[in-house]
C-alpha atoms as a PDB file:
ATOM      1  CA  UNK A   1      25.232 263.583 299.249  1.00  0.00           C
ATOM      2  CA  UNK A   2      23.394 262.865 302.458  1.00  0.00           C
ATOM      3  CA  UNK A   3      24.998 264.279 305.558  1.00  0.00           C
ATOM      4  CA  UNK A   4      26.499 261.780 307.957  1.00  0.00           C
ATOM      5  CA  UNK A   5      24.261 261.522 311.014  1.00  0.00           C
ATOM      6  CA  UNK A   6      25.061 259.337 313.997  1.00  0.00           C
ATOM      7  CA  UNK A   7      22.941 256.203 313.714  1.00  0.00           C
ATOM      8  CA  UNK A   8      24.384 254.242 316.604  1.00  0.00           C
ATOM      9  CA  UNK A   9      21.971 251.753 318.122  1.00  0.00           C
ATOM     10  CA  UNK A  10      19.631 253.431 320.554  1.00  0.00           C
ATOM     11  CA  UNK A  11      19.611 252.489 324.205  1.00  0.00           C
ATOM     12  CA  UNK A  12      18.619 248.895 324.889  1.00  0.00           C
ATOM     13  CA  UNK A  13      15.213 248.806 326.551  1.00  0.00           C
ATOM     14  CA  UNK A  14      16.491 246.627 329.374  1.00  0.00           C
ATOM     15  CA  UNK A  15      19.200 249.099 330.349  1.00  0.00           C
ATOM     16  CA  UNK A  16      18.625 251.139 333.476  1.00  0.00           C
ATOM     17  CA  UNK A  17      21.189 253.857 332.813  1.00  0.00           C
ATOM     18  CA  UNK A  18      20.142 257.411 333.560  1.00  0.00           C
ATOM     19  CA  UNK A  19      18.668 259.404 330.657  1.00  0.00           C
ATOM     20  CA  UNK A  20      20.785 262.127 329.112  1.00  0.00           C
ATOM     21  CA  UNK A  21      20.959 265.383 331.059  1.00  0.00           C
ATOM     22  CA  UNK A  22      21.354 269.034 330.151  1.00  0.00           C
ATOM     23  CA  UNK A  23      23.097 270.858 332.953  1.00  0.00           C
ATOM     24  CA  UNK A  24      21.664 269.537 336.204  1.00  0.00           C
ATOM     25  CA  UNK A  25      18.208 268.716 334.858  1.00  0.00           C
ATOM     26  CA  UNK A  26      17.023 265.442 333.357  1.00  0.00           C
ATOM     27  CA  UNK A  27      16.223 266.106 329.710  1.00  0.00           C
ATOM     28  CA  UNK A  28      13.907 263.213 328.845  1.00  0.00           C
ATOM     29  CA  UNK A  29      12.927 259.886 330.317  1.00  0.00           C
ATOM     30  CA  UNK A  30      13.380 257.138 327.756  1.00  0.00           C
ATOM     31  CA  UNK A  31      12.682 253.441 327.422  1.00  0.00           C
ATOM     32  CA  UNK A  32      12.997 251.606 330.765  1.00  0.00           C
ATOM     33  CA  UNK A  33      13.153 254.891 332.678  1.00  0.00           C
ATOM     34  CA  UNK A  34       9.494 255.597 331.837  1.00  0.00           C
ATOM     35  CA  UNK A  35       7.531 254.567 334.926  1.00  0.00           C
ATOM     36  CA  UNK A  36       3.921 255.135 333.806  1.00  0.00           C
ATOM     37  CA  UNK A  37       2.152 251.874 332.918  1.00  0.00           C
ATOM     38  CA  UNK A  38       0.225 253.639 330.141  1.00  0.00           C
ATOM     39  CA  UNK A  39       1.224 256.541 327.904  1.00  0.00           C
ATOM     40  CA  UNK A  40      -0.216 258.573 325.039  1.00  0.00           C
ATOM     41  CA  UNK A  41       1.570 257.913 321.749  1.00  0.00           C
ATOM     42  CA  UNK A  42       1.945 260.691 319.148  1.00  0.00           C
ATOM     43  CA  UNK A  43       4.177 261.117 316.128  1.00  0.00           C
ATOM     44  CA  UNK A  44       4.397 261.024 312.352  1.00  0.00           C
ATOM     45  CA  UNK A  45       5.716 257.459 311.994  1.00  0.00           C
ATOM     46  CA  UNK A  46       2.559 255.621 313.046  1.00  0.00           C
ATOM     47  CA  UNK A  47       2.418 253.694 309.757  1.00  0.00           C
ATOM     48  CA  UNK A  48       5.798 252.092 310.455  1.00  0.00           C
ATOM     49  CA  UNK A  49       4.743 251.323 314.025  1.00  0.00           C
ATOM     50  CA  UNK A  50       1.535 249.720 312.724  1.00  0.00           C
ATOM     51  CA  UNK A  51       3.576 247.352 310.571  1.00  0.00           C
ATOM     52  CA  UNK A  52       5.570 245.952 313.477  1.00  0.00           C
ATOM     53  CA  UNK A  53       2.509 245.946 315.743  1.00  0.00           C
ATOM     54  CA  UNK A  54       0.540 243.898 313.236  1.00  0.00           C
ATOM     55  CA  UNK A  55      -2.480 246.157 313.629  1.00  0.00           C
ATOM     56  CA  UNK A  56      -3.435 249.789 312.987  1.00  0.00           C
ATOM     57  CA  UNK A  57      -1.789 252.136 315.484  1.00  0.00           C
ATOM     58  CA  UNK A  58      -3.076 255.678 315.784  1.00  0.00           C
ATOM     59  CA  UNK A  59      -2.395 258.474 318.240  1.00  0.00           C
ATOM     60  CA  UNK A  60      -3.824 257.376 321.549  1.00  0.00           C
ATOM     61  CA  UNK A  61      -3.220 255.626 324.850  1.00  0.00           C
ATOM     62  CA  UNK A  62      -1.284 252.344 324.919  1.00  0.00           C
ATOM     63  CA  UNK A  63       0.473 250.149 327.428  1.00  0.00           C
ATOM     64  CA  UNK A  64       4.064 251.243 327.863  1.00  0.00           C
ATOM     65  CA  UNK A  65       5.225 247.646 327.554  1.00  0.00           C
ATOM     66  CA  UNK A  66       3.681 247.417 324.062  1.00  0.00           C
ATOM     67  CA  UNK A  67       5.439 250.572 322.934  1.00  0.00           C
ATOM     68  CA  UNK A  68       8.754 249.341 324.280  1.00  0.00           C
ATOM     69  CA  UNK A  69       8.366 246.140 322.283  1.00  0.00           C
ATOM     70  CA  UNK A  70       7.443 247.967 319.076  1.00  0.00           C
ATOM     71  CA  UNK A  71      10.294 250.430 319.492  1.00  0.00           C
ATOM     72  CA  UNK A  72      12.727 247.548 320.011  1.00  0.00           C
ATOM     73  CA  UNK A  73      11.610 245.967 316.739  1.00  0.00           C
ATOM     74  CA  UNK A  74      12.057 249.273 314.910  1.00  0.00           C
ATOM     75  CA  UNK A  75      15.445 249.927 316.487  1.00  0.00           C
ATOM     76  CA  UNK A  76      14.117 253.133 318.055  1.00  0.00           C
ATOM     77  CA  UNK A  77      13.440 254.581 321.503  1.00  0.00           C
ATOM     78  CA  UNK A  78      10.326 255.475 323.448  1.00  0.00           C
ATOM     79  CA  UNK A  79      10.867 259.090 324.519  1.00  0.00           C
ATOM     80  CA  UNK A  80       8.696 260.890 327.079  1.00  0.00           C
ATOM     81  CA  UNK A  81       8.111 264.393 325.706  1.00  0.00           C
ATOM     82  CA  UNK A  82       5.360 265.601 328.085  1.00  0.00           C
ATOM     83  CA  UNK A  83       5.925 263.918 331.465  1.00  0.00           C
ATOM     84  CA  UNK A  84       3.346 266.043 333.312  1.00  0.00           C
ATOM     85  CA  UNK A  85       0.449 265.085 331.065  1.00  0.00           C
ATOM     86  CA  UNK A  86      -2.012 262.433 332.216  1.00  0.00           C
ATOM     87  CA  UNK A  87      -0.991 259.993 330.919  1.00  0.00           C
ATOM     88  CA  UNK A  88       2.503 261.127 329.826  1.00  0.00           C
ATOM     89  CA  UNK A  89       2.949 261.803 326.100  1.00  0.00           C
ATOM     90  CA  UNK A  90       5.634 259.881 324.220  1.00  0.00           C
ATOM     91  CA  UNK A  91       7.094 259.449 320.761  1.00  0.00           C
ATOM     92  CA  UNK A  92       8.908 256.499 319.240  1.00  0.00           C
ATOM     93  CA  UNK A  93      12.024 257.999 317.636  1.00  0.00           C
ATOM     94  CA  UNK A  94      15.774 257.614 317.270  1.00  0.00           C
ATOM     95  CA  UNK A  95      16.785 259.531 320.397  1.00  0.00           C
ATOM     96  CA  UNK A  96      20.461 259.841 319.496  1.00  0.00           C
ATOM     97  CA  UNK A  97      19.560 261.279 316.096  1.00  0.00           C
ATOM     98  CA  UNK A  98      17.033 263.628 317.710  1.00  0.00           C
ATOM     99  CA  UNK A  99      19.653 265.016 320.112  1.00  0.00           C
ATOM    100  CA  UNK A 100      22.207 265.370 317.321  1.00  0.00           C
ATOM    101  CA  UNK A 101      19.846 267.260 315.021  1.00  0.00           C
ATOM    102  CA  UNK A 102      18.675 269.559 317.798  1.00  0.00           C
ATOM    103  CA  UNK A 103      22.244 270.341 318.824  1.00  0.00           C
ATOM    104  CA  UNK A 104      23.086 271.075 315.196  1.00  0.00           C
ATOM    105  CA  UNK A 105      20.092 273.423 314.888  1.00  0.00           C
ATOM    106  CA  UNK A 106      21.021 275.259 318.094  1.00  0.00           C
ATOM    107  CA  UNK A 107      24.563 275.691 316.771  1.00  0.00           C
ATOM    108  CA  UNK A 108      23.243 277.144 313.515  1.00  0.00           C
ATOM    109  CA  UNK A 109      20.974 279.560 315.386  1.00  0.00           C
ATOM    110  CA  UNK A 110      23.899 280.757 317.504  1.00  0.00           C
ATOM    111  CA  UNK A 111      26.027 281.230 314.384  1.00  0.00           C
ATOM    112  CA  UNK A 112      23.277 283.247 312.712  1.00  0.00           C
ATOM    113  CA  UNK A 113      22.849 285.389 315.820  1.00  0.00           C
ATOM    114  CA  UNK A 114      26.597 286.055 315.900  1.00  0.00           C
ATOM    115  CA  UNK A 115      26.543 287.210 312.272  1.00  0.00           C
ATOM    116  CA  UNK A 116      23.604 289.560 312.813  1.00  0.00           C
ATOM    117  CA  UNK A 117      24.545 293.221 313.068  1.00  0.00           C
ATOM    118  CA  UNK A 118      22.691 296.369 314.066  1.00  0.00           C
ATOM    119  CA  UNK A 119      22.761 298.931 311.271  1.00  0.00           C
ATOM    120  CA  UNK A 120      22.043 302.546 312.197  1.00  0.00           C
ATOM    121  CA  UNK A 121      20.093 304.965 310.021  1.00  0.00           C
ATOM    122  CA  UNK A 122      19.890 308.588 311.023  1.00  0.00           C
ATOM    123  CA  UNK A 123      17.107 311.042 310.243  1.00  0.00           C
ATOM    124  CA  UNK A 124      16.455 314.649 311.087  1.00  0.00           C
ATOM    125  CA  UNK A 125      13.048 316.033 312.102  1.00  0.00           C
ATOM    126  CA  UNK A 126      12.870 317.796 308.706  1.00  0.00           C
ATOM    127  CA  UNK A 127      14.000 314.843 306.564  1.00  0.00           C
ATOM    128  CA  UNK A 128      12.676 315.341 303.034  1.00  0.00           C
ATOM    129  CA  UNK A 129      10.855 312.791 300.898  1.00  0.00           C
ATOM    130  CA  UNK A 130      13.839 311.995 298.655  1.00  0.00           C
ATOM    131  CA  UNK A 131      16.147 311.444 301.648  1.00  0.00           C
ATOM    132  CA  UNK A 132      13.508 309.326 303.383  1.00  0.00           C
ATOM    133  CA  UNK A 133      13.080 307.043 300.346  1.00  0.00           C
ATOM    134  CA  UNK A 134      16.862 306.708 299.990  1.00  0.00           C
ATOM    135  CA  UNK A 135      17.281 305.607 303.617  1.00  0.00           C
ATOM    136  CA  UNK A 136      14.194 303.392 303.409  1.00  0.00           C
ATOM    137  CA  UNK A 137      15.857 301.380 300.616  1.00  0.00           C
ATOM    138  CA  UNK A 138      18.938 300.923 302.758  1.00  0.00           C
ATOM    139  CA  UNK A 139      16.800 299.755 305.675  1.00  0.00           C
ATOM    140  CA  UNK A 140      15.088 297.171 303.458  1.00  0.00           C
ATOM    141  CA  UNK A 141      18.458 295.871 302.257  1.00  0.00           C
ATOM    142  CA  UNK A 142      19.794 295.614 305.802  1.00  0.00           C
ATOM    143  CA  UNK A 143      16.743 293.666 306.957  1.00  0.00           C
ATOM    144  CA  UNK A 144      16.835 291.390 303.894  1.00  0.00           C
ATOM    145  CA  UNK A 145      20.419 290.497 304.836  1.00  0.00           C
ATOM    146  CA  UNK A 146      19.264 289.454 308.309  1.00  0.00           C
ATOM    147  CA  UNK A 147      20.476 292.517 310.187  1.00  0.00           C
ATOM    148  CA  UNK A 148      18.589 294.684 312.644  1.00  0.00           C
ATOM    149  CA  UNK A 149      18.000 298.342 311.875  1.00  0.00           C
ATOM    150  CA  UNK A 150      18.226 301.048 314.508  1.00  0.00           C
ATOM    151  CA  UNK A 151      16.593 304.153 313.092  1.00  0.00           C
ATOM    152  CA  UNK A 152      16.771 307.395 315.011  1.00  0.00           C
ATOM    153  CA  UNK A 153      15.887 311.034 314.723  1.00  0.00           C
ATOM    154  CA  UNK A 154      18.457 313.436 316.157  1.00  0.00           C
ATOM    155  CA  UNK A 155      17.104 316.713 317.522  1.00  0.00           C
ATOM    156  CA  UNK A 156      19.569 319.583 317.710  1.00  0.00           C
ATOM    157  CA  UNK A 157      19.104 322.659 319.844  1.00  0.00           C
ATOM    158  CA  UNK A 158      15.512 323.817 319.955  1.00  0.00           C
ATOM    159  CA  UNK A 159      14.478 321.276 317.322  1.00  0.00           C
ATOM    160  CA  UNK A 160      13.341 319.086 320.225  1.00  0.00           C
ATOM    161  CA  UNK A 161      10.046 321.014 320.074  1.00  0.00           C
ATOM    162  CA  UNK A 162       9.402 319.101 316.843  1.00  0.00           C
ATOM    163  CA  UNK A 163       9.592 315.679 318.524  1.00  0.00           C
ATOM    164  CA  UNK A 164       6.117 314.860 317.169  1.00  0.00           C
ATOM    165  CA  UNK A 165       7.531 315.098 313.649  1.00  0.00           C
ATOM    166  CA  UNK A 166      10.251 312.665 314.576  1.00  0.00           C
ATOM    167  CA  UNK A 167       7.770 310.200 316.005  1.00  0.00           C
ATOM    168  CA  UNK A 168       5.566 310.357 312.906  1.00  0.00           C
ATOM    169  CA  UNK A 169       8.617 309.818 310.700  1.00  0.00           C
ATOM    170  CA  UNK A 170       9.682 306.698 312.600  1.00  0.00           C
ATOM    171  CA  UNK A 171       6.126 305.348 312.651  1.00  0.00           C
ATOM    172  CA  UNK A 172       5.985 305.800 308.887  1.00  0.00           C
ATOM    173  CA  UNK A 173       9.288 303.956 308.553  1.00  0.00           C
ATOM    174  CA  UNK A 174       7.942 301.057 310.620  1.00  0.00           C
ATOM    175  CA  UNK A 175       4.859 300.922 308.377  1.00  0.00           C
ATOM    176  CA  UNK A 176       6.951 300.931 305.190  1.00  0.00           C
ATOM    177  CA  UNK A 177       9.112 298.084 306.527  1.00  0.00           C
ATOM    178  CA  UNK A 178       6.245 295.796 307.571  1.00  0.00           C
ATOM    179  CA  UNK A 179       7.072 293.166 304.927  1.00  0.00           C
ATOM    180  CA  UNK A 180      10.736 293.149 305.928  1.00  0.00           C
ATOM    181  CA  UNK A 181      10.766 293.495 309.697  1.00  0.00           C
ATOM    182  CA  UNK A 182       8.902 294.400 312.861  1.00  0.00           C
ATOM    183  CA  UNK A 183       9.534 297.034 315.516  1.00  0.00           C
ATOM    184  CA  UNK A 184      10.713 295.611 318.826  1.00  0.00           C
ATOM    185  CA  UNK A 185       8.875 298.480 320.513  1.00  0.00           C
ATOM    186  CA  UNK A 186       7.390 301.874 319.677  1.00  0.00           C
ATOM    187  CA  UNK A 187       9.729 304.847 319.127  1.00  0.00           C
ATOM    188  CA  UNK A 188      11.285 306.087 322.375  1.00  0.00           C
ATOM    189  CA  UNK A 189      12.781 309.467 323.217  1.00  0.00           C
ATOM    190  CA  UNK A 190      16.087 309.422 325.069  1.00  0.00           C
ATOM    191  CA  UNK A 191      17.450 312.902 325.614  1.00  0.00           C
ATOM    192  CA  UNK A 192      17.511 314.539 322.191  1.00  0.00           C
ATOM    193  CA  UNK A 193      17.335 311.304 320.239  1.00  0.00           C
ATOM    194  CA  UNK A 194      14.206 309.324 319.368  1.00  0.00           C
ATOM    195  CA  UNK A 195      14.859 305.797 318.142  1.00  0.00           C
ATOM    196  CA  UNK A 196      13.322 302.467 317.237  1.00  0.00           C
ATOM    197  CA  UNK A 197      14.855 299.049 316.505  1.00  0.00           C
ATOM    198  CA  UNK A 198      13.429 296.954 313.682  1.00  0.00           C
ATOM    199  CA  UNK A 199      14.206 293.218 313.586  1.00  0.00           C
ATOM    200  CA  UNK A 200      14.101 291.192 310.348  1.00  0.00           C
ATOM    201  CA  UNK A 201      11.296 288.801 309.609  1.00  0.00           C
ATOM    202  CA  UNK A 202      12.554 285.243 309.165  1.00  0.00           C
ATOM    203  CA  UNK A 203      10.492 284.770 306.021  1.00  0.00           C
ATOM    204  CA  UNK A 204      11.573 288.042 304.436  1.00  0.00           C
ATOM    205  CA  UNK A 205      14.305 287.225 301.946  1.00  0.00           C
ATOM    206  CA  UNK A 206      13.239 290.154 299.760  1.00  0.00           C
ATOM    207  CA  UNK A 207      15.955 291.995 297.925  1.00  0.00           C
ATOM    208  CA  UNK A 208      15.890 295.622 296.917  1.00  0.00           C
ATOM    209  CA  UNK A 209      18.266 297.720 294.939  1.00  0.00           C
ATOM    210  CA  UNK A 210      20.446 300.236 296.733  1.00  0.00           C
END
């Protein structure tokens, strides 16, 4: 079932009300608030615009008054998306629907960010191959689930003299995880702990067995 999306009639072109704002800044100029006599039209609904215009309409420069008339016939809005361009760039869209969908997407991104956790994986400078592979599988699973991985090598006592081993181990881990995530920065030494944070790739979605 299609999701209910607000489809209230977009702003009448003759209205002079202020465009919607985010905080203290004007978000977009729309319809009668667009002051440029000519604008550059872009978008993926040019076929529909051509039908109401009665002629082929492609991306290009048009009189603002023509676009306002075509938008009115389509029940849509002329929205200025690049006001500093010469001439300004606009789209003919349902502005209310655009704002709703963007707000919904921002909400989803915030929810995903809130669910994301940082999983820690600890190594020693003398971590063996079997232990490395075991922890590597865990790291892949964590990243596949959308979590970050903080991997670190803990140096105890005089083991700090082997910090090069720790760095090579973490660099190998980063290499092995390339398909699953990317290092936010190179391994860093802080006191007797060398660490790196690996963030998941959005397109990962790979699953591995524990």
